[in-house]
Amino acid sequence: MLIGYARVSTQEQDTAMQLDALRKAGCTAIYQEKASGASRRGREELARCLAALGRGDVLVVYKIDRIARSLFDLLEILRQLERVGATIKSVTEPLDTTNSMGVFVVQILGAVAQLERSMIRERSMAGQQAARERGRKPGRVRVLSPADEAAAVAEYQRGGTTYHALSVKYGVSVSAVKRAVYRATKPADYIRRGKV
């Protein structure tokens, strides 16, 4: 059985092109979702898709980066497919893990994709460091004033309140309150990560 999996990273993107290609490839069942591909956590449809595969089934994807964004993740998926006797094919790339050359090609493409992401990350970090050296602080602009941040953190540390209650009280998001508490309780880690 040919089982398709389609994924886009954001709600604004559309899986229509992938779905058309997967149907044309002969997929009898297709799992689709809108989720980041950085990790498998949170990709519920991928988990369902992989659980549905059995011996002789072929997992069909539009491109290999739709299912895995790191070599580690890709290899783990390949091992999972191998355990149940399934294989994987890409509609737009010459991938077919029914033979050893196909497995090799998948591993090479996964490694190239991981190298590209690492290079992007390095460039981003270098840009942030250059900005810091120019006196700019990269990252989100703090929405709480120093006084409000200190008050919110103090209230949270005293107990009896929640992030959500504080976010309502100060008119900010729950994430803003969490970041404020984290900065106050884990300053060394924040400095090490270049957040302060």
N, C-alpha and C. Protein backbone atom coordinates (compact mmCIF):
# COMPACT_ATOMS: atom_id res chain seq x y z
N MET A 1 0.85 -1.20 0.00
CA MET A 1 0.00 0.00 0.00
C MET A 1 0.88 1.24 0.00
N LEU A 2 0.51 2.23 -0.79
CA LEU A 2 1.22 3.51 -0.81
C LEU A 2 0.52 4.47 0.15
N ILE A 3 1.25 4.93 1.15
CA ILE A 3 0.71 5.84 2.15
C ILE A 3 1.47 7.16 2.08
N GLY A 4 0.75 8.26 1.90
CA GLY A 4 1.39 9.56 1.73
C GLY A 4 1.44 10.36 3.02
N TYR A 5 2.44 11.24 3.09
CA TYR A 5 2.53 12.18 4.21
C TYR A 5 2.90 13.54 3.64
N ALA A 6 2.09 14.56 3.98
CA ALA A 6 2.33 15.93 3.52
C ALA A 6 2.42 16.84 4.73
N ARG A 7 3.36 17.79 4.68
CA ARG A 7 3.51 18.73 5.80
C ARG A 7 3.95 20.09 5.29
N VAL A 8 3.39 21.13 5.89
CA VAL A 8 3.88 22.49 5.72
C VAL A 8 4.18 23.03 7.11
N SER A 9 5.03 24.06 7.19
CA SER A 9 5.53 24.52 8.48
C SER A 9 4.61 25.50 9.19
N THR A 10 3.82 26.27 8.45
CA THR A 10 2.99 27.29 9.09
C THR A 10 1.54 27.19 8.62
N GLN A 11 0.66 27.81 9.39
CA GLN A 11 -0.76 27.79 9.07
C GLN A 11 -1.06 28.51 7.76
N GLU A 12 -0.19 29.46 7.38
CA GLU A 12 -0.43 30.24 6.16
C GLU A 12 -0.11 29.42 4.90
N GLN A 13 0.71 28.38 5.04
CA GLN A 13 1.10 27.58 3.89
C GLN A 13 0.03 26.53 3.57
N ASP A 14 0.10 25.99 2.37
CA ASP A 14 -0.93 25.08 1.89
C ASP A 14 -0.30 23.77 1.43
N THR A 15 -0.96 22.64 1.74
CA THR A 15 -0.45 21.33 1.34
C THR A 15 -0.99 20.88 -0.02
N ALA A 16 -1.77 21.72 -0.69
CA ALA A 16 -2.46 21.31 -1.93
C ALA A 16 -1.52 20.72 -2.97
N MET A 17 -0.37 21.37 -3.21
CA MET A 17 0.56 20.87 -4.22
C MET A 17 1.08 19.48 -3.85
N GLN A 18 1.43 19.32 -2.56
CA GLN A 18 1.91 18.01 -2.11
C GLN A 18 0.83 16.95 -2.24
N LEU A 19 -0.39 17.30 -1.84
CA LEU A 19 -1.50 16.34 -1.91
C LEU A 19 -1.76 15.89 -3.34
N ASP A 20 -1.74 16.84 -4.28
CA ASP A 20 -1.95 16.50 -5.70
C ASP A 20 -0.88 15.51 -6.17
N ALA A 21 0.37 15.78 -5.80
CA ALA A 21 1.48 14.92 -6.22
C ALA A 21 1.37 13.54 -5.59
N LEU A 22 0.96 13.48 -4.32
CA LEU A 22 0.85 12.19 -3.64
C LEU A 22 -0.30 11.36 -4.22
N ARG A 23 -1.41 12.03 -4.54
CA ARG A 23 -2.53 11.31 -5.16
C ARG A 23 -2.13 10.78 -6.54
N LYS A 24 -1.41 11.60 -7.30
CA LYS A 24 -0.95 11.19 -8.63
C LYS A 24 0.01 10.01 -8.53
N ALA A 25 0.76 9.94 -7.42
CA ALA A 25 1.70 8.83 -7.22
C ALA A 25 0.99 7.54 -6.83
N GLY A 26 -0.33 7.63 -6.53
CA GLY A 26 -1.11 6.44 -6.24
C GLY A 26 -1.36 6.17 -4.76
N CYS A 27 -1.16 7.17 -3.91
CA CYS A 27 -1.38 6.98 -2.48
C CYS A 27 -2.86 6.73 -2.19
N THR A 28 -3.13 5.68 -1.43
CA THR A 28 -4.51 5.35 -1.07
C THR A 28 -4.92 6.01 0.25
N ALA A 29 -3.94 6.39 1.03
CA ALA A 29 -4.20 7.11 2.29
C ALA A 29 -3.15 8.20 2.41
N ILE A 30 -3.56 9.38 2.88
CA ILE A 30 -2.63 10.50 3.01
C ILE A 30 -2.83 11.16 4.37
N TYR A 31 -1.74 11.33 5.09
CA TYR A 31 -1.75 12.06 6.36
C TYR A 31 -1.15 13.44 6.08
N GLN A 32 -1.78 14.47 6.62
CA GLN A 32 -1.26 15.82 6.38
C GLN A 32 -1.35 16.65 7.65
N GLU A 33 -0.43 17.60 7.80
CA GLU A 33 -0.46 18.50 8.96
C GLU A 33 0.31 19.77 8.70
N LYS A 34 0.04 20.75 9.56
CA LYS A 34 0.77 22.02 9.54
C LYS A 34 1.53 22.11 10.84
N ALA A 35 2.83 21.85 10.76
CA ALA A 35 3.66 21.81 11.97
C ALA A 35 5.10 22.01 11.58
N SER A 36 5.88 22.57 12.49
CA SER A 36 7.31 22.76 12.25
C SER A 36 7.98 21.40 12.09
N GLY A 37 8.98 21.36 11.23
CA GLY A 37 9.70 20.10 11.02
C GLY A 37 10.96 19.99 11.83
N ALA A 38 11.21 20.95 12.73
CA ALA A 38 12.45 20.94 13.50
C ALA A 38 12.60 19.69 14.35
N SER A 39 11.51 19.15 14.85
CA SER A 39 11.57 17.91 15.61
C SER A 39 10.27 17.16 15.41
N ARG A 40 10.26 15.88 15.77
CA ARG A 40 9.05 15.09 15.59
C ARG A 40 8.02 15.38 16.67
N ARG A 41 8.45 16.02 17.76
CA ARG A 41 7.52 16.35 18.82
C ARG A 41 6.46 17.31 18.29
N GLY A 42 5.21 17.01 18.52
CA GLY A 42 4.14 17.89 18.05
C GLY A 42 3.62 17.54 16.67
N ARG A 43 4.25 16.60 15.98
CA ARG A 43 3.76 16.19 14.67
C ARG A 43 2.92 14.91 14.84
N GLU A 44 1.69 15.10 15.27
CA GLU A 44 0.82 13.97 15.59
C GLU A 44 0.46 13.14 14.36
N GLU A 45 0.24 13.80 13.23
CA GLU A 45 -0.12 13.06 12.01
C GLU A 45 1.04 12.20 11.51
N LEU A 46 2.26 12.69 11.69
CA LEU A 46 3.41 11.86 11.32
C LEU A 46 3.46 10.61 12.19
N ALA A 47 3.21 10.77 13.48
CA ALA A 47 3.20 9.62 14.38
C ALA A 47 2.13 8.62 13.95
N ARG A 48 0.93 9.13 13.60
CA ARG A 48 -0.14 8.24 13.15
C ARG A 48 0.24 7.54 11.83
N CYS A 49 0.84 8.30 10.94
CA CYS A 49 1.25 7.75 9.66
C CYS A 49 2.26 6.61 9.84
N LEU A 50 3.27 6.86 10.66
CA LEU A 50 4.30 5.84 10.88
C LEU A 50 3.72 4.61 11.57
N ALA A 51 2.76 4.83 12.49
CA ALA A 51 2.13 3.71 13.20
C ALA A 51 1.27 2.87 12.26
N ALA A 52 0.78 3.48 11.18
CA ALA A 52 -0.10 2.77 10.25
C ALA A 52 0.67 1.90 9.26
N LEU A 53 1.96 2.12 9.15
CA LEU A 53 2.75 1.39 8.16
C LEU A 53 3.01 -0.05 8.59
N GLY A 54 2.94 -0.95 7.63
CA GLY A 54 3.22 -2.36 7.89
C GLY A 54 4.13 -2.93 6.82
N ARG A 55 4.38 -4.21 6.89
CA ARG A 55 5.27 -4.87 5.94
C ARG A 55 4.79 -4.68 4.51
N GLY A 56 5.70 -4.24 3.66
CA GLY A 56 5.38 -4.04 2.25
C GLY A 56 4.82 -2.67 1.91
N ASP A 57 4.44 -1.90 2.93
CA ASP A 57 3.91 -0.55 2.67
C ASP A 57 5.03 0.39 2.24
N VAL A 58 4.65 1.40 1.47
CA VAL A 58 5.61 2.41 1.02
C VAL A 58 5.13 3.77 1.50
N LEU A 59 5.97 4.45 2.27
CA LEU A 59 5.67 5.81 2.71
C LEU A 59 6.12 6.75 1.60
N VAL A 60 5.20 7.55 1.09
CA VAL A 60 5.50 8.45 -0.03
C VAL A 60 5.43 9.90 0.46
N VAL A 61 6.48 10.65 0.18
CA VAL A 61 6.53 12.07 0.55
C VAL A 61 6.85 12.89 -0.70
N TYR A 62 6.47 14.17 -0.66
CA TYR A 62 6.76 15.05 -1.79
C TYR A 62 8.27 15.31 -1.88
N LYS A 63 8.86 15.65 -0.75
CA LYS A 63 10.31 15.81 -0.64
C LYS A 63 10.73 15.26 0.71
N ILE A 64 11.95 14.81 0.82
CA ILE A 64 12.42 14.18 2.04
C ILE A 64 12.40 15.16 3.22
N ASP A 65 12.56 16.47 2.96
CA ASP A 65 12.55 17.42 4.08
C ASP A 65 11.15 17.64 4.65
N ARG A 66 10.12 17.06 4.00
CA ARG A 66 8.77 17.13 4.56
C ARG A 66 8.62 16.19 5.75
N ILE A 67 9.47 15.18 5.83
CA ILE A 67 9.35 14.20 6.90
C ILE A 67 10.46 14.31 7.93
N ALA A 68 11.62 14.81 7.54
CA ALA A 68 12.74 14.90 8.48
C ALA A 68 13.59 16.12 8.17
N ARG A 69 13.94 16.87 9.22
CA ARG A 69 14.76 18.06 9.04
C ARG A 69 16.17 17.89 9.58
N SER A 70 16.48 16.71 10.10
CA SER A 70 17.84 16.45 10.57
C SER A 70 18.22 15.03 10.18
N LEU A 71 19.50 14.79 10.05
CA LEU A 71 19.98 13.45 9.69
C LEU A 71 19.59 12.46 10.78
N PHE A 72 19.70 12.88 12.04
CA PHE A 72 19.34 11.99 13.15
C PHE A 72 17.88 11.57 13.04
N ASP A 73 17.00 12.53 12.79
CA ASP A 73 15.57 12.25 12.67
C ASP A 73 15.30 11.34 11.49
N LEU A 74 15.95 11.63 10.37
CA LEU A 74 15.77 10.82 9.16
C LEU A 74 16.19 9.38 9.39
N LEU A 75 17.35 9.20 10.01
CA LEU A 75 17.84 7.84 10.26
C LEU A 75 16.93 7.09 11.23
N GLU A 76 16.39 7.79 12.21
CA GLU A 76 15.46 7.16 13.15
C GLU A 76 14.19 6.70 12.43
N ILE A 77 13.69 7.54 11.51
CA ILE A 77 12.51 7.16 10.74
C ILE A 77 12.81 5.96 9.85
N LEU A 78 13.99 5.97 9.22
CA LEU A 78 14.38 4.83 8.37
C LEU A 78 14.47 3.54 9.18
N ARG A 79 15.02 3.65 10.41
CA ARG A 79 15.11 2.46 11.27
C ARG A 79 13.71 1.97 11.64
N GLN A 80 12.81 2.91 11.91
CA GLN A 80 11.44 2.54 12.26
C GLN A 80 10.75 1.84 11.09
N LEU A 81 10.96 2.36 9.88
CA LEU A 81 10.39 1.74 8.69
C LEU A 81 10.97 0.35 8.48
N GLU A 82 12.27 0.23 8.68
CA GLU A 82 12.93 -1.07 8.49
C GLU A 82 12.38 -2.11 9.47
N ARG A 83 12.12 -1.68 10.72
CA ARG A 83 11.61 -2.61 11.73
C ARG A 83 10.27 -3.22 11.33
N VAL A 84 9.42 -2.41 10.67
CA VAL A 84 8.09 -2.92 10.30
C VAL A 84 8.06 -3.45 8.86
N GLY A 85 9.18 -3.35 8.16
CA GLY A 85 9.23 -3.87 6.80
C GLY A 85 8.68 -2.94 5.74
N ALA A 86 8.66 -1.62 6.04
CA ALA A 86 8.18 -0.63 5.08
C ALA A 86 9.35 0.10 4.45
N THR A 87 9.09 0.82 3.36
CA THR A 87 10.12 1.60 2.67
C THR A 87 9.60 3.02 2.47
N ILE A 88 10.46 3.88 1.92
CA ILE A 88 10.08 5.28 1.70
C ILE A 88 10.47 5.70 0.29
N LYS A 89 9.65 6.53 -0.32
CA LYS A 89 9.94 7.09 -1.64
C LYS A 89 9.60 8.57 -1.62
N SER A 90 10.34 9.34 -2.41
CA SER A 90 10.05 10.75 -2.60
C SER A 90 9.52 10.96 -4.01
N VAL A 91 8.50 11.80 -4.13
CA VAL A 91 7.90 12.07 -5.44
C VAL A 91 8.83 12.88 -6.32
N THR A 92 9.58 13.82 -5.73
CA THR A 92 10.38 14.76 -6.52
C THR A 92 11.88 14.45 -6.50
N GLU A 93 12.28 13.45 -5.73
CA GLU A 93 13.71 13.11 -5.64
C GLU A 93 13.88 11.63 -5.95
N PRO A 94 15.04 11.23 -6.47
CA PRO A 94 15.25 9.82 -6.84
C PRO A 94 15.55 8.96 -5.62
N LEU A 95 14.56 8.83 -4.74
CA LEU A 95 14.76 8.07 -3.51
C LEU A 95 13.86 6.85 -3.47
N ASP A 96 14.46 5.73 -3.14
CA ASP A 96 13.72 4.48 -3.02
C ASP A 96 14.54 3.56 -2.12
N THR A 97 14.10 3.40 -0.88
CA THR A 97 14.90 2.62 0.07
C THR A 97 14.67 1.12 -0.02
N THR A 98 14.10 0.67 -1.15
CA THR A 98 14.01 -0.77 -1.33
C THR A 98 15.35 -1.34 -1.76
N ASN A 99 16.32 -0.46 -2.06
CA ASN A 99 17.65 -0.95 -2.40
C ASN A 99 18.71 -0.14 -1.64
N SER A 100 19.91 -0.69 -1.55
CA SER A 100 20.98 -0.07 -0.74
C SER A 100 21.40 1.29 -1.30
N MET A 101 21.37 1.46 -2.61
CA MET A 101 21.73 2.75 -3.20
C MET A 101 20.71 3.82 -2.78
N GLY A 102 19.45 3.45 -2.73
CA GLY A 102 18.42 4.39 -2.30
C GLY A 102 18.62 4.83 -0.86
N VAL A 103 18.99 3.89 0.02
CA VAL A 103 19.27 4.22 1.42
C VAL A 103 20.44 5.19 1.49
N PHE A 104 21.47 4.93 0.69
CA PHE A 104 22.65 5.80 0.67
C PHE A 104 22.29 7.21 0.23
N VAL A 105 21.48 7.32 -0.81
CA VAL A 105 21.07 8.64 -1.31
C VAL A 105 20.28 9.40 -0.26
N VAL A 106 19.38 8.71 0.45
CA VAL A 106 18.60 9.35 1.51
C VAL A 106 19.53 9.91 2.59
N GLN A 107 20.53 9.13 2.98
CA GLN A 107 21.46 9.57 4.02
C GLN A 107 22.27 10.78 3.56
N ILE A 108 22.69 10.77 2.30
CA ILE A 108 23.46 11.90 1.75
C ILE A 108 22.60 13.17 1.73
N LEU A 109 21.36 13.05 1.25
CA LEU A 109 20.48 14.22 1.20
C LEU A 109 20.18 14.74 2.60
N GLY A 110 19.99 13.84 3.55
CA GLY A 110 19.76 14.25 4.92
C GLY A 110 20.96 15.00 5.48
N ALA A 111 22.16 14.51 5.16
CA ALA A 111 23.38 15.17 5.65
C ALA A 111 23.54 16.55 5.02
N VAL A 112 23.23 16.68 3.75
CA VAL A 112 23.33 17.98 3.07
C VAL A 112 22.34 18.97 3.67
N ALA A 113 21.11 18.50 3.93
CA ALA A 113 20.09 19.38 4.52
C ALA A 113 20.52 19.84 5.91
N GLN A 114 21.11 18.92 6.68
CA GLN A 114 21.57 19.28 8.02
C GLN A 114 22.72 20.28 7.95
N LEU A 115 23.64 20.09 7.00
CA LEU A 115 24.74 21.03 6.82
C LEU A 115 24.22 22.42 6.47
N GLU A 116 23.23 22.47 5.60
CA GLU A 116 22.66 23.76 5.20
C GLU A 116 22.04 24.48 6.41
N ARG A 117 21.27 23.73 7.23
CA ARG A 117 20.67 24.35 8.42
C ARG A 117 21.72 24.82 9.42
N SER A 118 22.81 24.03 9.56
CA SER A 118 23.89 24.42 10.47
C SER A 118 24.56 25.69 10.00
N MET A 119 24.75 25.82 8.69
CA MET A 119 25.38 27.02 8.14
C MET A 119 24.47 28.24 8.34
N ILE A 120 23.17 28.06 8.16
CA ILE A 120 22.22 29.16 8.39
C ILE A 120 22.27 29.58 9.85
N ARG A 121 22.31 28.59 10.75
CA ARG A 121 22.36 28.89 12.18
C ARG A 121 23.65 29.64 12.53
N GLU A 122 24.78 29.19 11.97
CA GLU A 122 26.06 29.87 12.23
C GLU A 122 26.03 31.31 11.75
N ARG A 123 25.46 31.54 10.55
CA ARG A 123 25.37 32.91 10.04
C ARG A 123 24.47 33.77 10.93
N SER A 124 23.38 33.18 11.40
CA SER A 124 22.48 33.90 12.28
C SER A 124 23.16 34.28 13.58
N MET A 125 23.90 33.33 14.16
CA MET A 125 24.60 33.60 15.41
C MET A 125 25.69 34.65 15.22
N ALA A 126 26.38 34.59 14.08
CA ALA A 126 27.42 35.58 13.79
C ALA A 126 26.80 36.97 13.66
N GLY A 127 25.64 37.05 13.02
CA GLY A 127 24.93 38.33 12.89
C GLY A 127 24.50 38.88 14.24
N GLN A 128 24.03 37.99 15.12
CA GLN A 128 23.64 38.42 16.47
C GLN A 128 24.85 38.93 17.25
N GLN A 129 25.98 38.22 17.12
CA GLN A 129 27.20 38.65 17.83
C GLN A 129 27.66 40.01 17.31
N ALA A 130 27.61 40.21 16.00
CA ALA A 130 28.01 41.50 15.42
C ALA A 130 27.08 42.60 15.93
N ALA A 131 25.79 42.31 16.05
CA ALA A 131 24.83 43.30 16.56
C ALA A 131 25.14 43.64 18.01
N ARG A 132 25.48 42.62 18.81
CA ARG A 132 25.83 42.88 20.22
C ARG A 132 27.07 43.76 20.33
N GLU A 133 28.06 43.50 19.45
CA GLU A 133 29.29 44.29 19.47
C GLU A 133 29.03 45.74 19.08
N ARG A 134 27.95 45.98 18.31
CA ARG A 134 27.56 47.34 17.94
C ARG A 134 26.64 47.97 18.99
N GLY A 135 26.41 47.23 20.07
CA GLY A 135 25.59 47.77 21.15
C GLY A 135 24.11 47.47 21.04
N ARG A 136 23.73 46.65 20.09
CA ARG A 136 22.31 46.29 19.93
C ARG A 136 22.06 44.93 20.56
N LYS A 137 20.89 44.75 21.11
CA LYS A 137 20.52 43.47 21.70
C LYS A 137 19.53 42.77 20.79
N PRO A 138 19.97 41.68 20.14
CA PRO A 138 19.03 40.96 19.28
C PRO A 138 17.95 40.27 20.11
N GLY A 139 16.86 39.96 19.47
CA GLY A 139 15.79 39.25 20.16
C GLY A 139 14.56 40.13 20.33
N ARG A 140 13.62 39.59 21.08
CA ARG A 140 12.35 40.31 21.29
C ARG A 140 12.56 41.56 22.14
N VAL A 141 11.80 42.57 21.82
CA VAL A 141 11.77 43.78 22.65
C VAL A 141 10.97 43.45 23.90
N ARG A 142 11.48 43.81 25.06
CA ARG A 142 10.78 43.49 26.29
C ARG A 142 9.52 44.34 26.40
N VAL A 143 8.41 43.68 26.69
CA VAL A 143 7.13 44.38 26.75
C VAL A 143 6.81 44.87 28.16
N LEU A 144 7.48 44.30 29.15
CA LEU A 144 7.29 44.76 30.53
C LEU A 144 8.37 45.77 30.88
N SER A 145 7.98 46.83 31.56
CA SER A 145 8.97 47.78 32.05
C SER A 145 9.79 47.09 33.13
N PRO A 146 11.01 47.56 33.42
CA PRO A 146 11.81 46.93 34.47
C PRO A 146 11.06 46.83 35.80
N ALA A 147 10.30 47.86 36.14
CA ALA A 147 9.56 47.84 37.40
C ALA A 147 8.45 46.79 37.39
N ASP A 148 7.69 46.74 36.28
CA ASP A 148 6.62 45.74 36.17
C ASP A 148 7.18 44.32 36.13
N GLU A 149 8.31 44.17 35.44
CA GLU A 149 8.93 42.85 35.37
C GLU A 149 9.35 42.38 36.76
N ALA A 150 9.98 43.26 37.51
CA ALA A 150 10.42 42.90 38.87
C ALA A 150 9.21 42.57 39.74
N ALA A 151 8.14 43.35 39.63
CA ALA A 151 6.93 43.10 40.42
C ALA A 151 6.29 41.77 40.05
N ALA A 152 6.20 41.48 38.75
CA ALA A 152 5.59 40.23 38.30
C ALA A 152 6.40 39.03 38.78
N VAL A 153 7.72 39.14 38.68
CA VAL A 153 8.59 38.04 39.13
C VAL A 153 8.43 37.83 40.64
N ALA A 154 8.40 38.92 41.39
CA ALA A 154 8.25 38.82 42.84
C ALA A 154 6.93 38.15 43.20
N GLU A 155 5.86 38.53 42.51
CA GLU A 155 4.55 37.94 42.77
C GLU A 155 4.57 36.44 42.46
N TYR A 156 5.19 36.09 41.35
CA TYR A 156 5.24 34.67 40.97
C TYR A 156 6.04 33.87 41.99
N GLN A 157 7.17 34.43 42.43
CA GLN A 157 8.03 33.71 43.37
C GLN A 157 7.38 33.56 44.75
N ARG A 158 6.50 34.49 45.10
CA ARG A 158 5.80 34.36 46.38
C ARG A 158 4.78 33.22 46.34
N GLY A 159 4.35 32.86 45.16
CA GLY A 159 3.38 31.78 45.01
C GLY A 159 1.95 32.31 45.05
N GLY A 160 1.02 31.41 44.81
CA GLY A 160 -0.38 31.80 44.87
C GLY A 160 -0.90 32.46 43.61
N THR A 161 -0.07 32.51 42.57
CA THR A 161 -0.52 33.07 41.30
C THR A 161 0.06 32.25 40.16
N THR A 162 -0.44 32.46 38.98
CA THR A 162 0.01 31.69 37.81
C THR A 162 0.55 32.64 36.75
N TYR A 163 1.26 32.06 35.78
CA TYR A 163 1.74 32.86 34.65
C TYR A 163 0.56 33.54 33.96
N HIS A 164 -0.53 32.78 33.79
CA HIS A 164 -1.68 33.31 33.08
C HIS A 164 -2.28 34.51 33.83
N ALA A 165 -2.43 34.37 35.16
CA ALA A 165 -3.00 35.46 35.95
C ALA A 165 -2.12 36.71 35.86
N LEU A 166 -0.82 36.52 35.89
CA LEU A 166 0.10 37.66 35.79
C LEU A 166 0.04 38.28 34.40
N SER A 167 -0.10 37.45 33.38
CA SER A 167 -0.18 37.99 32.02
C SER A 167 -1.41 38.87 31.86
N VAL A 168 -2.53 38.45 32.47
CA VAL A 168 -3.76 39.25 32.42
C VAL A 168 -3.57 40.55 33.19
N LYS A 169 -2.98 40.44 34.37
CA LYS A 169 -2.79 41.60 35.23
C LYS A 169 -1.93 42.67 34.56
N TYR A 170 -0.85 42.24 33.90
CA TYR A 170 0.09 43.20 33.31
C TYR A 170 -0.16 43.44 31.81
N GLY A 171 -1.16 42.77 31.25
CA GLY A 171 -1.52 43.01 29.86
C GLY A 171 -0.49 42.54 28.85
N VAL A 172 0.17 41.41 29.16
CA VAL A 172 1.17 40.87 28.25
C VAL A 172 0.87 39.39 28.02
N SER A 173 1.63 38.76 27.16
CA SER A 173 1.42 37.33 26.90
C SER A 173 1.98 36.49 28.06
N VAL A 174 1.51 35.26 28.12
CA VAL A 174 2.02 34.32 29.12
C VAL A 174 3.52 34.11 28.90
N SER A 175 3.93 34.05 27.63
CA SER A 175 5.35 33.85 27.30
C SER A 175 6.21 34.98 27.84
N ALA A 176 5.71 36.21 27.79
CA ALA A 176 6.48 37.35 28.29
C ALA A 176 6.72 37.22 29.79
N VAL A 177 5.72 36.74 30.51
CA VAL A 177 5.88 36.54 31.96
C VAL A 177 6.86 35.40 32.22
N LYS A 178 6.73 34.32 31.48
CA LYS A 178 7.65 33.19 31.65
C LYS A 178 9.09 33.61 31.41
N ARG A 179 9.31 34.41 30.35
CA ARG A 179 10.67 34.86 30.05
C ARG A 179 11.21 35.74 31.17
N ALA A 180 10.36 36.58 31.73
CA ALA A 180 10.78 37.46 32.83
C ALA A 180 11.20 36.63 34.04
N VAL A 181 10.41 35.62 34.37
CA VAL A 181 10.74 34.75 35.52
C VAL A 181 12.02 33.98 35.23
N TYR A 182 12.16 33.51 34.01
CA TYR A 182 13.36 32.75 33.65
C TYR A 182 14.60 33.63 33.75
N ARG A 183 14.49 34.85 33.26
CA ARG A 183 15.65 35.76 33.34
C ARG A 183 16.06 35.99 34.79
N ALA A 184 15.08 36.07 35.67
CA ALA A 184 15.36 36.34 37.07
C ALA A 184 15.91 35.12 37.81
N THR A 185 15.49 33.93 37.38
CA THR A 185 15.88 32.73 38.11
C THR A 185 17.04 31.98 37.47
N LYS A 186 17.30 32.22 36.19
CA LYS A 186 18.38 31.52 35.48
C LYS A 186 19.28 32.52 34.76
N PRO A 187 19.77 33.55 35.42
CA PRO A 187 20.51 34.61 34.71
C PRO A 187 21.80 34.11 34.07
N ALA A 188 22.52 33.20 34.72
CA ALA A 188 23.79 32.72 34.16
C ALA A 188 23.56 32.02 32.83
N ASP A 189 22.49 31.21 32.78
CA ASP A 189 22.19 30.50 31.55
C ASP A 189 21.77 31.47 30.47
N TYR A 190 21.00 32.50 30.82
CA TYR A 190 20.56 33.48 29.84
C TYR A 190 21.75 34.24 29.27
N ILE A 191 22.70 34.60 30.14
CA ILE A 191 23.88 35.32 29.67
C ILE A 191 24.70 34.44 28.74
N ARG A 192 24.83 33.16 29.12
CA ARG A 192 25.60 32.24 28.31
C ARG A 192 24.98 32.09 26.93
N ARG A 193 23.65 32.12 26.85
CA ARG A 193 22.96 31.99 25.56
C ARG A 193 22.86 33.33 24.83
N GLY A 194 23.41 34.38 25.41
CA GLY A 194 23.42 35.66 24.73
C GLY A 194 22.10 36.39 24.74
N LYS A 195 21.23 36.10 25.74
CA LYS A 195 19.90 36.72 25.77
C LYS A 195 19.88 38.03 26.55
N VAL A 196 20.92 38.29 27.33
CA VAL A 196 20.91 39.50 28.16
C VAL A 196 21.94 40.47 27.63
